[in-house]
Amino acid sequence: MKPLKLKKLHLGMGVPKICVSITESDPLAIVAFAGQILTTSADIVEWRLDYFDEINDSEKNP
C-alpha cells in the first residue's frame, strides 16, 4: 500500500493510527460523542451514517 498524507497525518507509515467510529443515532448524541473524541488521542474519526436515524428523513433533509 502506498502511504497517504492528509495534512500532517501520514497513513501507511510510522506508528499505527487510532480511528474512532461515531455510531450514535441522533444529532445531540453525535455532537456529544464528537466532543468526547476531542479529548482523546484519536488520529481519525469515522462518522457511520448508516447508524444515523435521520439520514433517510426527507422532511428533515430536503
PDB file of N, CA and C in Angstrom:
ATOM      1  N   MET A   1       0.847  -1.185   0.000  1.00  0.00           N
ATOM      2  CA  MET A   1       0.000   0.000   0.000  1.00  0.00           C
ATOM      3  C   MET A   1       0.886   1.239   0.000  1.00  0.00           C
ATOM      4  N   LYS A   2       0.546   2.177  -0.827  1.00  0.00           N
ATOM      5  CA  LYS A   2       1.285   3.430  -0.909  1.00  0.00           C
ATOM      6  C   LYS A   2       0.851   4.336   0.236  1.00  0.00           C
ATOM      7  N   PRO A   3       1.798   4.935   0.977  1.00  0.00           N
ATOM      8  CA  PRO A   3       1.433   5.838   2.080  1.00  0.00           C
ATOM      9  C   PRO A   3       0.589   7.012   1.571  1.00  0.00           C
ATOM     10  N   LEU A   4      -0.289   7.488   2.439  1.00  0.00           N
ATOM     11  CA  LEU A   4      -1.183   8.590   2.115  1.00  0.00           C
ATOM     12  C   LEU A   4      -0.967   9.698   3.131  1.00  0.00           C
ATOM     13  N   LYS A   5      -0.854  10.935   2.648  1.00  0.00           N
ATOM     14  CA  LYS A   5      -0.665  12.083   3.540  1.00  0.00           C
ATOM     15  C   LYS A   5      -1.932  12.930   3.540  1.00  0.00           C
ATOM     16  N   LEU A   6      -2.488  13.143   4.741  1.00  0.00           N
ATOM     17  CA  LEU A   6      -3.645  14.016   4.934  1.00  0.00           C
ATOM     18  C   LEU A   6      -3.222  15.120   5.887  1.00  0.00           C
ATOM     19  N   LYS A   7      -2.912  16.267   5.327  1.00  0.00           N
ATOM     20  CA  LYS A   7      -2.336  17.371   6.098  1.00  0.00           C
ATOM     21  C   LYS A   7      -1.091  16.871   6.826  1.00  0.00           C
ATOM     22  N   LYS A   8      -1.087  16.809   8.155  1.00  0.00           N
ATOM     23  CA  LYS A   8       0.092  16.364   8.895  1.00  0.00           C
ATOM     24  C   LYS A   8       0.043  14.887   9.267  1.00  0.00           C
ATOM     25  N   LEU A   9      -1.015  14.190   8.858  1.00  0.00           N
ATOM     26  CA  LEU A   9      -1.187  12.783   9.208  1.00  0.00           C
ATOM     27  C   LEU A   9      -0.711  11.903   8.050  1.00  0.00           C
ATOM     28  N   HIS A  10       0.172  10.971   8.349  1.00  0.00           N
ATOM     29  CA  HIS A  10       0.703  10.052   7.345  1.00  0.00           C
ATOM     30  C   HIS A  10       0.144   8.657   7.606  1.00  0.00           C
ATOM     31  N   LEU A  11      -0.700   8.177   6.703  1.00  0.00           N
ATOM     32  CA  LEU A  11      -1.277   6.843   6.829  1.00  0.00           C
ATOM     33  C   LEU A  11      -0.423   5.858   6.024  1.00  0.00           C
ATOM     34  N   GLY A  12      -0.197   4.694   6.593  1.00  0.00           N
ATOM     35  CA  GLY A  12       0.574   3.678   5.903  1.00  0.00           C
ATOM     36  C   GLY A  12       2.049   3.714   6.223  1.00  0.00           C
ATOM     37  N   MET A  13       2.428   4.508   7.200  1.00  0.00           N
ATOM     38  CA  MET A  13       3.821   4.563   7.635  1.00  0.00           C
ATOM     39  C   MET A  13       3.876   5.012   9.090  1.00  0.00           C
ATOM     40  N   GLY A  14       4.958   4.697   9.761  1.00  0.00           N
ATOM     41  CA  GLY A  14       5.104   5.084  11.157  1.00  0.00           C
ATOM     42  C   GLY A  14       4.255   4.220  12.075  1.00  0.00           C
ATOM     43  N   VAL A  15       3.920   4.765  13.228  1.00  0.00           N
ATOM     44  CA  VAL A  15       3.148   4.012  14.214  1.00  0.00           C
ATOM     45  C   VAL A  15       1.699   3.847  13.735  1.00  0.00           C
ATOM     46  N   PRO A  16       1.018   2.778  14.162  1.00  0.00           N
ATOM     47  CA  PRO A  16      -0.392   2.602  13.800  1.00  0.00           C
ATOM     48  C   PRO A  16      -1.233   3.792  14.278  1.00  0.00           C
ATOM     49  N   LYS A  17      -2.231   4.123  13.511  1.00  0.00           N
ATOM     50  CA  LYS A  17      -3.108   5.249  13.832  1.00  0.00           C
ATOM     51  C   LYS A  17      -4.348   4.746  14.562  1.00  0.00           C
ATOM     52  N   ILE A  18      -4.958   5.630  15.342  1.00  0.00           N
ATOM     53  CA  ILE A  18      -6.166   5.308  16.106  1.00  0.00           C
ATOM     54  C   ILE A  18      -7.354   5.957  15.409  1.00  0.00           C
ATOM     55  N   CYS A  19      -8.353   5.120  15.067  1.00  0.00           N
ATOM     56  CA  CYS A  19      -9.578   5.600  14.444  1.00  0.00           C
ATOM     57  C   CYS A  19     -10.744   5.301  15.381  1.00  0.00           C
ATOM     58  N   VAL A  20     -11.596   6.301  15.586  1.00  0.00           N
ATOM     59  CA  VAL A  20     -12.777   6.135  16.435  1.00  0.00           C
ATOM     60  C   VAL A  20     -14.011   6.320  15.560  1.00  0.00           C
ATOM     61  N   SER A  21     -14.952   5.398  15.679  1.00  0.00           N
ATOM     62  CA  SER A  21     -16.192   5.466  14.899  1.00  0.00           C
ATOM     63  C   SER A  21     -17.305   6.098  15.721  1.00  0.00           C
ATOM     64  N   ILE A  22     -18.025   7.021  15.090  1.00  0.00           N
ATOM     65  CA  ILE A  22     -19.219   7.599  15.703  1.00  0.00           C
ATOM     66  C   ILE A  22     -20.396   6.792  15.172  1.00  0.00           C
ATOM     67  N   THR A  23     -21.062   6.077  16.073  1.00  0.00           N
ATOM     68  CA  THR A  23     -22.199   5.234  15.689  1.00  0.00           C
ATOM     69  C   THR A  23     -23.472   5.644  16.420  1.00  0.00           C
ATOM     70  N   GLU A  24     -23.490   6.870  16.906  1.00  0.00           N
ATOM     71  CA  GLU A  24     -24.686   7.370  17.594  1.00  0.00           C
ATOM     72  C   GLU A  24     -25.788   7.575  16.560  1.00  0.00           C
ATOM     73  N   SER A  25     -27.040   7.553  17.005  1.00  0.00           N
ATOM     74  CA  SER A  25     -28.151   7.618  16.064  1.00  0.00           C
ATOM     75  C   SER A  25     -28.886   8.957  16.024  1.00  0.00           C
ATOM     76  N   ASP A  26     -28.705   9.806  17.011  1.00  0.00           N
ATOM     77  CA  ASP A  26     -29.401  11.098  16.974  1.00  0.00           C
ATOM     78  C   ASP A  26     -28.390  12.248  17.039  1.00  0.00           C
ATOM     79  N   PRO A  27     -28.775  13.416  16.487  1.00  0.00           N
ATOM     80  CA  PRO A  27     -27.835  14.529  16.367  1.00  0.00           C
ATOM     81  C   PRO A  27     -27.180  14.971  17.682  1.00  0.00           C
ATOM     82  N   LEU A  28     -27.933  15.056  18.756  1.00  0.00           N
ATOM     83  CA  LEU A  28     -27.346  15.505  20.022  1.00  0.00           C
ATOM     84  C   LEU A  28     -26.300  14.521  20.536  1.00  0.00           C
ATOM     85  N   ALA A  29     -26.574  13.245  20.394  1.00  0.00           N
ATOM     86  CA  ALA A  29     -25.619  12.223  20.830  1.00  0.00           C
ATOM     87  C   ALA A  29     -24.376  12.237  19.955  1.00  0.00           C
ATOM     88  N   ILE A  30     -24.541  12.505  18.669  1.00  0.00           N
ATOM     89  CA  ILE A  30     -23.394  12.576  17.750  1.00  0.00           C
ATOM     90  C   ILE A  30     -22.472  13.712  18.163  1.00  0.00           C
ATOM     91  N   VAL A  31     -23.041  14.884  18.403  1.00  0.00           N
ATOM     92  CA  VAL A  31     -22.236  16.043  18.797  1.00  0.00           C
ATOM     93  C   VAL A  31     -21.566  15.800  20.151  1.00  0.00           C
ATOM     94  N   ALA A  32     -22.281  15.212  21.089  1.00  0.00           N
ATOM     95  CA  ALA A  32     -21.710  14.929  22.408  1.00  0.00           C
ATOM     96  C   ALA A  32     -20.543  13.957  22.303  1.00  0.00           C
ATOM     97  N   PHE A  33     -20.712  12.904  21.508  1.00  0.00           N
ATOM     98  CA  PHE A  33     -19.640  11.921  21.369  1.00  0.00           C
ATOM     99  C   PHE A  33     -18.441  12.520  20.632  1.00  0.00           C
ATOM    100  N   ALA A  34     -18.705  13.338  19.628  1.00  0.00           N
ATOM    101  CA  ALA A  34     -17.612  14.009  18.913  1.00  0.00           C
ATOM    102  C   ALA A  34     -16.809  14.890  19.877  1.00  0.00           C
ATOM    103  N   GLY A  35     -17.478  15.549  20.788  1.00  0.00           N
ATOM    104  CA  GLY A  35     -16.785  16.356  21.793  1.00  0.00           C
ATOM    105  C   GLY A  35     -15.909  15.501  22.692  1.00  0.00           C
ATOM    106  N   GLN A  36     -16.380  14.314  23.030  1.00  0.00           N
ATOM    107  CA  GLN A  36     -15.575  13.403  23.841  1.00  0.00           C
ATOM    108  C   GLN A  36     -14.337  12.938  23.078  1.00  0.00           C
ATOM    109  N   ILE A  37     -14.485  12.714  21.784  1.00  0.00           N
ATOM    110  CA  ILE A  37     -13.357  12.263  20.971  1.00  0.00           C
ATOM    111  C   ILE A  37     -12.243  13.304  20.977  1.00  0.00           C
ATOM    112  N   LEU A  38     -12.604  14.569  21.018  1.00  0.00           N
ATOM    113  CA  LEU A  38     -11.590  15.633  21.023  1.00  0.00           C
ATOM    114  C   LEU A  38     -10.648  15.548  22.215  1.00  0.00           C
ATOM    115  N   THR A  39     -11.081  14.897  23.272  1.00  0.00           N
ATOM    116  CA  THR A  39     -10.238  14.782  24.476  1.00  0.00           C
ATOM    117  C   THR A  39      -9.368  13.524  24.454  1.00  0.00           C
ATOM    118  N   THR A  40      -9.418  12.764  23.358  1.00  0.00           N
ATOM    119  CA  THR A  40      -8.631  11.531  23.251  1.00  0.00           C
ATOM    120  C   THR A  40      -7.446  11.747  22.317  1.00  0.00           C
ATOM    121  N   SER A  41      -6.682  10.693  22.118  1.00  0.00           N
ATOM    122  CA  SER A  41      -5.539  10.778  21.207  1.00  0.00           C
ATOM    123  C   SER A  41      -5.876  10.168  19.840  1.00  0.00           C
ATOM    124  N   ALA A  42      -7.155  10.147  19.483  1.00  0.00           N
ATOM    125  CA  ALA A  42      -7.570   9.598  18.194  1.00  0.00           C
ATOM    126  C   ALA A  42      -6.966  10.405  17.044  1.00  0.00           C
ATOM    127  N   ASP A  43      -6.549   9.695  16.006  1.00  0.00           N
ATOM    128  CA  ASP A  43      -5.982  10.345  14.823  1.00  0.00           C
ATOM    129  C   ASP A  43      -7.036  10.604  13.756  1.00  0.00           C
ATOM    130  N   ILE A  44      -8.040   9.715  13.702  1.00  0.00           N
ATOM    131  CA  ILE A  44      -9.051   9.762  12.647  1.00  0.00           C
ATOM    132  C   ILE A  44     -10.421   9.504  13.276  1.00  0.00           C
ATOM    133  N   VAL A  45     -11.442  10.186  12.750  1.00  0.00           N
ATOM    134  CA  VAL A  45     -12.819   9.939  13.192  1.00  0.00           C
ATOM    135  C   VAL A  45     -13.623   9.501  11.978  1.00  0.00           C
ATOM    136  N   GLU A  46     -14.365   8.419  12.154  1.00  0.00           N
ATOM    137  CA  GLU A  46     -15.239   7.897  11.109  1.00  0.00           C
ATOM    138  C   GLU A  46     -16.675   8.084  11.590  1.00  0.00           C
ATOM    139  N   TRP A  47     -17.470   8.845  10.827  1.00  0.00           N
ATOM    140  CA  TRP A  47     -18.876   9.008  11.180  1.00  0.00           C
ATOM    141  C   TRP A  47     -19.669   8.003  10.368  1.00  0.00           C
ATOM    142  N   ARG A  48     -20.256   7.016  11.046  1.00  0.00           N
ATOM    143  CA  ARG A  48     -21.022   5.954  10.398  1.00  0.00           C
ATOM    144  C   ARG A  48     -22.444   6.447  10.158  1.00  0.00           C
ATOM    145  N   LEU A  49     -22.686   6.958   8.967  1.00  0.00           N
ATOM    146  CA  LEU A  49     -24.011   7.493   8.634  1.00  0.00           C
ATOM    147  C   LEU A  49     -25.088   6.421   8.592  1.00  0.00           C
ATOM    148  N   ASP A  50     -24.689   5.160   8.431  1.00  0.00           N
ATOM    149  CA  ASP A  50     -25.693   4.103   8.406  1.00  0.00           C
ATOM    150  C   ASP A  50     -26.361   3.910   9.764  1.00  0.00           C
ATOM    151  N   TYR A  51     -25.782   4.470  10.815  1.00  0.00           N
ATOM    152  CA  TYR A  51     -26.395   4.423  12.151  1.00  0.00           C
ATOM    153  C   TYR A  51     -27.269   5.656  12.427  1.00  0.00           C
ATOM    154  N   PHE A  52     -27.145   6.692  11.625  1.00  0.00           N
ATOM    155  CA  PHE A  52     -27.835   7.961  11.835  1.00  0.00           C
ATOM    156  C   PHE A  52     -29.306   7.823  11.451  1.00  0.00           C
ATOM    157  N   ASP A  53     -30.211   7.966  12.437  1.00  0.00           N
ATOM    158  CA  ASP A  53     -31.640   7.777  12.228  1.00  0.00           C
ATOM    159  C   ASP A  53     -32.246   8.699  11.164  1.00  0.00           C
ATOM    160  N   GLU A  54     -31.748   9.907  11.052  1.00  0.00           N
ATOM    161  CA  GLU A  54     -32.374  10.897  10.180  1.00  0.00           C
ATOM    162  C   GLU A  54     -31.801  10.926   8.764  1.00  0.00           C
ATOM    163  N   ILE A  55     -30.949   9.989   8.423  1.00  0.00           N
ATOM    164  CA  ILE A  55     -30.295  10.016   7.111  1.00  0.00           C
ATOM    165  C   ILE A  55     -31.292   9.916   5.965  1.00  0.00           C
ATOM    166  N   ASN A  56     -32.366   9.174   6.145  1.00  0.00           N
ATOM    167  CA  ASN A  56     -33.361   8.996   5.071  1.00  0.00           C
ATOM    168  C   ASN A  56     -34.650   9.781   5.327  1.00  0.00           C
ATOM    169  N   ASP A  57     -34.635  10.717   6.241  1.00  0.00           N
ATOM    170  CA  ASP A  57     -35.823  11.504   6.562  1.00  0.00           C
ATOM    171  C   ASP A  57     -35.877  12.713   5.619  1.00  0.00           C
ATOM    172  N   SER A  58     -36.681  12.625   4.565  1.00  0.00           N
ATOM    173  CA  SER A  58     -36.737  13.688   3.566  1.00  0.00           C
ATOM    174  C   SER A  58     -37.308  14.996   4.111  1.00  0.00           C
ATOM    175  N   GLU A  59     -38.098  14.954   5.182  1.00  0.00           N
ATOM    176  CA  GLU A  59     -38.638  16.188   5.756  1.00  0.00           C
ATOM    177  C   GLU A  59     -37.550  16.966   6.494  1.00  0.00           C
ATOM    178  N   LYS A  60     -36.603  16.269   7.119  1.00  0.00           N
ATOM    179  CA  LYS A  60     -35.521  16.935   7.835  1.00  0.00           C
ATOM    180  C   LYS A  60     -34.304  17.189   6.961  1.00  0.00           C
ATOM    181  N   ASN A  61     -34.187  16.448   5.843  1.00  0.00           N
ATOM    182  CA  ASN A  61     -33.048  16.559   4.931  1.00  0.00           C
ATOM    183  C   ASN A  61     -33.554  16.742   3.510  1.00  0.00           C
ATOM    184  N   PRO A  62     -33.975  17.994   3.153  1.00  0.00           N
ATOM    185  CA  PRO A  62     -34.559  18.222   1.818  1.00  0.00           C
ATOM    186  C   PRO A  62     -33.559  18.015   0.697  1.00  0.00           C
TER     187      PRO A  62
END
